[in-house]
Protein backbone atom coordinates (compact mmCIF):
# COMPACT_ATOMS: atom_id res chain seq x y z
CA UNK A 1 0.00 0.00 0.00
CA UNK A 2 1.28 3.41 -0.96
CA UNK A 3 0.57 7.02 -0.08
CA UNK A 4 0.70 9.52 -2.92
CA UNK A 5 0.59 13.30 -2.43
CA UNK A 6 0.69 15.92 -5.19
CA UNK A 7 1.11 19.22 -3.29
CA UNK A 8 -0.39 22.41 -4.72
CA UNK A 9 0.81 24.77 -2.01
CA UNK A 10 0.02 28.49 -2.10
CA UNK A 11 -2.28 27.94 -5.08
CA UNK A 12 -0.91 25.98 -8.00
CA UNK A 13 1.21 22.93 -8.68
CA UNK A 14 4.18 24.73 -10.16
CA UNK A 15 7.25 25.74 -8.10
CA UNK A 16 6.61 23.21 -5.33
CA UNK A 17 9.55 21.51 -3.63
CA UNK A 18 9.61 18.00 -2.16
CA UNK A 19 12.04 15.96 -0.11
CA UNK A 20 12.31 12.80 1.95
CA UNK A 21 13.31 13.59 5.53
CA UNK A 22 15.15 10.88 7.46
CA UNK A 23 14.66 11.01 11.23
CA UNK A 24 16.60 8.10 12.71
CA UNK A 25 15.12 5.00 11.08
CA UNK A 26 11.94 6.80 10.10
CA UNK A 27 11.04 8.58 6.89
CA UNK A 28 8.75 11.57 6.46
CA UNK A 29 7.40 13.20 3.30
CA UNK A 30 7.94 16.96 3.11
CA UNK A 31 6.90 19.65 0.65
CA UNK A 32 7.18 23.42 0.73
CA UNK A 33 6.55 26.50 -1.34
CA UNK A 34 7.12 30.04 -0.20
CA UNK A 35 6.21 30.21 3.48
CA UNK A 36 4.04 27.09 3.53
CA UNK A 37 5.26 23.65 4.59
CA UNK A 38 3.55 20.27 4.47
CA UNK A 39 4.62 17.13 6.35
CA UNK A 40 3.22 13.60 6.07
CA UNK A 41 3.88 10.74 8.47
CA UNK A 42 2.14 7.60 9.73
CA UNK A 43 1.96 5.52 12.87
CA UNK A 44 3.58 2.65 10.96
CA UNK A 45 6.91 3.03 9.12
CA UNK A 46 7.48 3.82 5.47
CA UNK A 47 9.46 0.98 3.91
CA UNK A 48 10.41 3.18 0.97
CA UNK A 49 9.78 6.71 -0.23
CA UNK A 50 10.47 8.89 -3.22
CA UNK A 51 9.62 12.26 -4.74
CA UNK A 52 9.68 13.24 -8.38
CA UNK A 53 8.18 15.34 -11.13
CA UNK A 54 4.61 14.56 -12.17
CA UNK A 55 4.45 12.53 -15.38
CA UNK A 56 8.22 12.03 -15.50
CA UNK A 57 9.57 10.21 -12.45
CA UNK A 58 6.96 10.60 -9.72
CA UNK A 59 5.56 7.72 -7.70
CA UNK A 60 2.35 7.40 -9.71
CA UNK A 61 4.27 7.10 -12.97
CA UNK A 62 6.59 4.56 -11.35
CA UNK A 63 3.82 2.42 -9.83
CA UNK A 64 1.75 2.43 -13.03
CA UNK A 65 4.48 0.42 -14.74
CA UNK A 66 4.71 -2.66 -12.50
CA UNK A 67 2.97 -1.73 -9.21
CA UNK A 68 6.34 -1.35 -7.53
CA UNK A 69 8.32 1.70 -6.44
CA UNK A 70 11.53 1.19 -8.38
CA UNK A 71 12.76 4.80 -8.30
CA UNK A 72 13.92 6.38 -5.06
CA UNK A 73 14.69 10.10 -5.21
CA UNK A 74 15.31 12.13 -2.08
CA UNK A 75 14.25 15.48 -3.49
CA UNK A 76 12.49 17.22 -6.37
CA UNK A 77 12.82 21.00 -6.52
CA UNK A 78 10.91 23.84 -8.16
CA UNK A 79 8.33 21.97 -10.20
CA UNK A 80 5.03 20.15 -10.36
CA UNK A 81 5.96 17.34 -8.00
CA UNK A 82 4.50 14.35 -6.17
CA UNK A 83 5.55 12.48 -3.04
CA UNK A 84 5.13 8.73 -2.56
CA UNK A 85 5.71 6.35 0.33
CA UNK A 86 5.23 2.59 0.75
CA UNK A 87 3.70 1.45 4.05
CA UNK A 88 5.08 -1.40 6.16
CA UNK A 89 1.90 -3.40 6.82
CA UNK A 90 3.82 -5.98 8.87
CA UNK A 91 3.21 -3.60 11.79
CA UNK A 92 -0.55 -3.93 11.36
CA UNK A 93 -3.32 -3.01 8.95
CA UNK A 94 -4.77 -0.29 11.17
CA UNK A 95 -2.78 2.91 11.20
CA UNK A 96 -3.15 6.69 11.23
CA UNK A 97 -1.86 9.02 8.52
CA UNK A 98 -0.98 12.54 9.63
CA UNK A 99 -0.91 15.52 7.27
CA UNK A 100 0.35 18.73 8.87
CA UNK A 101 0.90 22.28 7.67
CA UNK A 102 3.02 25.11 9.02
CA UNK A 103 4.80 28.32 8.13
CA UNK A 104 8.19 26.66 8.67
CA UNK A 105 9.53 23.11 8.56
CA UNK A 106 9.75 23.09 12.35
CA UNK A 107 6.14 24.24 12.62
CA UNK A 108 4.84 21.51 10.31
CA UNK A 109 6.90 18.77 11.96
CA UNK A 110 5.82 19.83 15.44
CA UNK A 111 2.16 19.77 14.42
CA UNK A 112 2.60 16.37 12.77
CA UNK A 113 4.26 14.88 15.86
CA UNK A 114 1.55 16.17 18.19
CA UNK A 115 -1.22 14.89 15.90
CA UNK A 116 0.20 11.39 15.56
CA UNK A 117 0.73 11.05 19.32
CA UNK A 118 -2.91 11.79 20.19
CA UNK A 119 -5.06 8.66 19.65
CA UNK A 120 -7.14 9.00 16.50
CA UNK A 121 -10.35 7.96 18.27
CA UNK A 122 -9.93 10.80 20.76
CA UNK A 123 -9.35 13.35 18.01
CA UNK A 124 -12.28 12.05 15.97
CA UNK A 125 -14.63 12.18 18.96
CA UNK A 126 -13.66 15.77 19.77
CA UNK A 127 -14.02 16.80 16.12
CA UNK A 128 -17.53 15.33 15.80
CA UNK A 129 -18.63 16.78 19.14
CA UNK A 130 -17.55 20.30 18.17
CA UNK A 131 -19.42 20.17 14.86
CA UNK A 132 -22.52 18.74 16.52
CA UNK A 133 -22.50 21.62 19.01
CA UNK A 134 -22.30 24.06 16.13
CA UNK A 135 -25.55 22.95 14.49
CA UNK A 136 -27.48 22.18 17.68
CA UNK A 137 -27.20 25.73 18.97
CA UNK A 138 -29.32 27.05 16.11
CA UNK A 139 -32.98 27.66 16.82
CA UNK A 140 -34.52 25.73 13.93
CA UNK A 141 -32.63 22.45 14.36
CA UNK A 142 -35.37 20.82 16.44
CA UNK A 143 -38.01 21.80 13.86
CA UNK A 144 -36.31 20.13 10.90
CA UNK A 145 -37.87 17.00 9.38
CA UNK A 146 -34.40 15.77 8.49
CA UNK A 147 -32.08 16.67 11.35
CA UNK A 148 -28.98 15.03 9.82
CA UNK A 149 -29.37 16.84 6.50
CA UNK A 150 -30.03 20.07 8.37
CA UNK A 151 -26.90 19.73 10.52
CA UNK A 152 -24.71 18.77 7.58
CA UNK A 153 -26.02 21.67 5.51
CA UNK A 154 -25.25 24.13 8.29
CA UNK A 155 -21.80 22.68 8.86
CA UNK A 156 -21.01 22.65 5.15
CA UNK A 157 -21.72 26.37 4.97
CA UNK A 158 -19.62 27.02 8.08
CA UNK A 159 -16.72 25.03 6.59
CA UNK A 160 -16.39 27.70 3.89
CA UNK A 161 -15.37 30.39 6.40
CA UNK A 162 -11.66 31.11 6.39
CA UNK A 163 -9.69 30.47 9.56
CA UNK A 164 -7.41 33.49 9.14
CA UNK A 165 -9.79 36.16 7.84
CA UNK A 166 -12.78 35.97 10.14
CA UNK A 167 -16.08 36.26 8.27
CA UNK A 168 -14.56 35.61 4.84
CA UNK A 169 -16.26 32.84 2.87
CA UNK A 170 -15.16 31.64 -0.53
CA UNK A 171 -17.80 30.70 -3.07
CA UNK A 172 -16.95 27.00 -3.00
CA UNK A 173 -14.24 24.57 -1.93
CA UNK A 174 -14.70 22.84 -5.29
CA UNK A 175 -13.44 23.90 -8.73
CA UNK A 176 -15.96 23.97 -11.59
CA UNK A 177 -14.87 21.79 -14.49
CA UNK A 178 -11.77 20.89 -12.48
CA UNK A 179 -10.76 18.08 -14.80
CA UNK A 180 -10.50 20.63 -17.62
CA UNK A 181 -8.61 23.33 -15.70
CA UNK A 182 -4.85 23.75 -15.45
CA UNK A 183 -2.78 25.47 -12.78
CA UNK A 184 -3.11 28.68 -14.77
CA UNK A 185 -6.74 28.91 -13.62
CA UNK A 186 -6.09 30.48 -10.21
CA UNK A 187 -9.49 31.94 -9.42
CA UNK A 188 -12.69 30.05 -10.06
CA UNK A 189 -14.77 29.71 -6.92
CA UNK A 190 -11.75 29.76 -4.57
CA UNK A 191 -12.46 33.48 -4.21
CA UNK A 192 -14.77 35.70 -2.23
CA UNK A 193 -17.84 36.48 -4.33
CA UNK A 194 -20.00 38.78 -2.20
CA UNK A 195 -23.18 37.31 -3.71
CA UNK A 196 -22.27 33.76 -2.70
CA UNK A 197 -21.01 34.90 0.69
CA UNK A 198 -24.30 36.67 1.43
CA UNK A 199 -26.35 33.69 0.22
CA UNK A 200 -24.40 31.39 2.53
CA UNK A 201 -24.68 33.55 5.64
CA UNK A 202 -28.35 34.28 4.87
CA UNK A 203 -28.95 30.54 5.15
CA UNK A 204 -27.14 30.57 8.49
CA UNK A 205 -29.12 33.61 9.60
CA UNK A 206 -32.37 31.81 8.77
CA UNK A 207 -31.10 28.90 10.85
CA UNK A 208 -30.70 31.17 13.86
CA UNK A 209 -27.00 32.01 13.58
CA UNK A 210 -26.39 35.77 13.84
CA UNK A 211 -22.70 35.73 14.79
CA UNK A 212 -21.38 34.35 11.48
CA UNK A 213 -23.38 36.78 9.29
CA UNK A 214 -22.23 39.68 11.47
CA UNK A 215 -18.60 38.60 11.11
CA UNK A 216 -19.12 38.46 7.34
CA UNK A 217 -20.66 41.94 7.26
CA UNK A 218 -17.68 43.35 9.18
CA UNK A 219 -15.34 41.58 6.74
CA UNK A 220 -17.26 43.09 3.81
CA UNK A 221 -17.07 46.55 5.38
CA UNK A 222 -13.28 46.26 5.54
CA UNK A 223 -13.17 44.92 1.97
CA UNK A 224 -15.39 47.68 0.55
CA UNK A 225 -13.93 49.94 -2.13
CA UNK A 226 -13.44 53.64 -1.60
CA UNK A 227 -16.39 54.42 -3.88
CA UNK A 228 -18.65 52.18 -1.79
CA UNK A 229 -18.80 49.30 -4.24
CA UNK A 230 -17.11 45.89 -4.29
CA UNK A 231 -14.86 44.17 -6.77
CA UNK A 232 -16.49 41.42 -8.78
CA UNK A 233 -14.50 38.91 -6.75
CA UNK A 234 -11.37 39.03 -4.64
CA UNK A 235 -8.88 37.00 -2.64
CA UNK A 236 -9.33 36.50 1.10
CA UNK A 237 -6.95 39.38 1.82
CA UNK A 238 -9.07 41.76 -0.28
CA UNK A 239 -6.91 41.85 -3.41
CA UNK A 240 -9.17 41.89 -6.50
CA UNK A 241 -9.09 39.01 -8.96
CA UNK A 242 -11.64 40.33 -11.42
CA UNK A 243 -11.63 44.06 -10.86
CA UNK A 244 -14.83 44.78 -12.78
CA UNK A 245 -18.20 45.81 -11.37
CA UNK A 246 -20.99 43.24 -11.20
CA UNK A 247 -24.10 44.78 -9.74
CA UNK A 248 -25.39 41.79 -7.79
CA UNK A 249 -21.98 41.61 -6.10
CA UNK A 250 -22.54 45.21 -4.97
CA UNK A 251 -26.21 44.83 -4.05
CA UNK A 252 -26.10 41.70 -1.91
CA UNK A 253 -24.12 43.32 0.96
CA UNK A 254 -26.94 45.88 1.11
CA UNK A 255 -29.42 43.07 1.66
CA UNK A 256 -27.23 41.49 4.33
CA UNK A 257 -26.98 44.83 6.15
CA UNK A 258 -30.77 45.18 6.08
CA UNK A 259 -31.36 41.60 7.23
CA UNK A 260 -29.03 41.93 10.20
CA UNK A 261 -30.60 45.26 11.09
CA UNK A 262 -34.05 43.68 11.01
CA UNK A 263 -32.76 40.83 13.19
CA UNK A 264 -31.31 43.35 15.66
CA UNK A 265 -27.89 41.74 15.43
CA UNK A 266 -25.45 42.97 18.05
CA UNK A 267 -23.31 45.96 17.03
CA UNK A 268 -25.00 46.36 13.65
CA UNK A 269 -26.13 49.88 14.51
CA UNK A 270 -22.55 50.86 15.27
CA UNK A 271 -21.31 49.16 12.12
CA UNK A 272 -23.81 50.99 9.93
CA UNK A 273 -22.37 54.34 10.98
CA UNK A 274 -19.06 53.21 9.51
CA UNK A 275 -20.12 50.93 6.68
CA UNK A 276 -23.04 53.01 5.48
CA UNK A 277 -21.73 56.55 5.65
CA UNK A 278 -24.25 58.71 3.78
CA UNK A 279 -23.14 60.93 0.92
CA UNK A 280 -25.06 63.24 -1.34
CA UNK A 281 -25.59 60.92 -4.27
CA UNK A 282 -24.78 57.56 -5.78
CA UNK A 283 -22.75 56.75 -8.86
CA UNK A 284 -25.79 55.69 -10.86
CA UNK A 285 -25.75 58.76 -13.14
CA UNK A 286 -26.11 61.08 -10.15
CA UNK A 287 -29.36 59.54 -8.96
CA UNK A 288 -29.57 59.51 -5.19
CA UNK A 289 -31.45 56.76 -3.34
CA UNK A 290 -33.89 59.43 -2.12
CA UNK A 291 -34.68 60.51 -5.69
CA UNK A 292 -35.16 56.88 -6.69
CA UNK A 293 -37.39 56.27 -3.68
CA UNK A 294 -39.33 59.45 -4.45
CA UNK A 295 -40.05 58.36 -8.01
CA UNK A 296 -41.05 54.96 -6.70
CA UNK A 297 -43.54 56.53 -4.33
CA UNK A 298 -44.96 58.70 -7.13
CA UNK A 299 -45.84 55.55 -9.04
CA UNK A 300 -43.14 56.00 -11.66
CA UNK A 301 -41.46 52.71 -12.48
CA UNK A 302 -37.72 53.07 -12.41
CA UNK A 303 -35.57 50.69 -14.49
CA UNK A 304 -32.84 50.50 -11.85
CA UNK A 305 -32.25 47.04 -10.36
CA UNK A 306 -29.24 45.34 -8.72
CA UNK A 307 -28.80 43.24 -11.90
CA UNK A 308 -29.42 45.73 -14.72
CA UNK A 309 -28.09 49.08 -13.52
CA UNK A 310 -25.03 50.21 -15.39
CA UNK A 311 -23.26 51.48 -12.31
CA UNK A 312 -23.29 50.79 -8.60
CA UNK A 313 -25.72 52.80 -6.51
CA UNK A 314 -23.98 51.70 -3.33
CA UNK A 315 -21.23 54.33 -3.46
CA UNK A 316 -21.17 55.24 0.21
CA UNK A 317 -24.83 56.11 -0.20
CA UNK A 318 -27.41 55.64 2.48
CA UNK A 319 -27.72 51.90 1.96
CA UNK A 320 -30.35 51.61 4.64
CA UNK A 321 -32.46 54.13 2.72
CA UNK A 322 -32.11 52.03 -0.41
CA UNK A 323 -32.88 48.79 1.42
CA UNK A 324 -35.89 50.06 3.34
CA UNK A 325 -37.49 52.07 0.52
CA UNK A 326 -36.94 49.91 -2.54
CA UNK A 327 -37.63 46.51 -0.93
CA UNK A 328 -41.31 45.60 -0.55
CA UNK A 329 -42.66 45.30 2.96
CA UNK A 330 -43.52 41.65 2.31
CA UNK A 331 -39.91 40.83 1.43
CA UNK A 332 -39.23 37.29 2.66
CA UNK A 333 -35.99 36.02 4.10
CA UNK A 334 -35.60 32.50 2.76
CA UNK A 335 -33.14 29.76 3.55
CA UNK A 336 -30.77 29.75 0.59
CA UNK A 337 -27.86 27.37 0.33
CA UNK A 338 -25.15 28.46 -2.09
CA UNK A 339 -25.56 26.97 -5.54
CA UNK A 340 -21.77 26.79 -5.76
CA UNK A 341 -21.62 23.89 -3.31
Foldseek 3Di string as FASTA:
>chain_A
DKDKFFDQPPFFQFFKKWFWDDDPPAIWIWIDDQQKIKIKDKPFGFPAKAKDAPPPQGPVVCCVVPNDNPDHHGMDGGGRMMIMTHGDCVVDDDMDMFMAMDRDPVGRVVVRVVVRPPDPVVVVVVVVVVLVVVLVVFDCLVVDPDNVVSSVLLVLLVVQADPPQQLFGFLDPDAVVVVPDHSVPRPGRQWGQQLSSLLSVLLVVVRRDLPSLVSNLVQVLVLADQQQFHARIHHSVNHHDRRDGALSSRLSSLVSLVVCVVVVRPCSVVVCVRSQQADDFFPQVGHRLVNVLVCVVVVHDDPDDSGPGPDYRRRSHRSVSNVVRVDDPPDDRDNGNRPSD
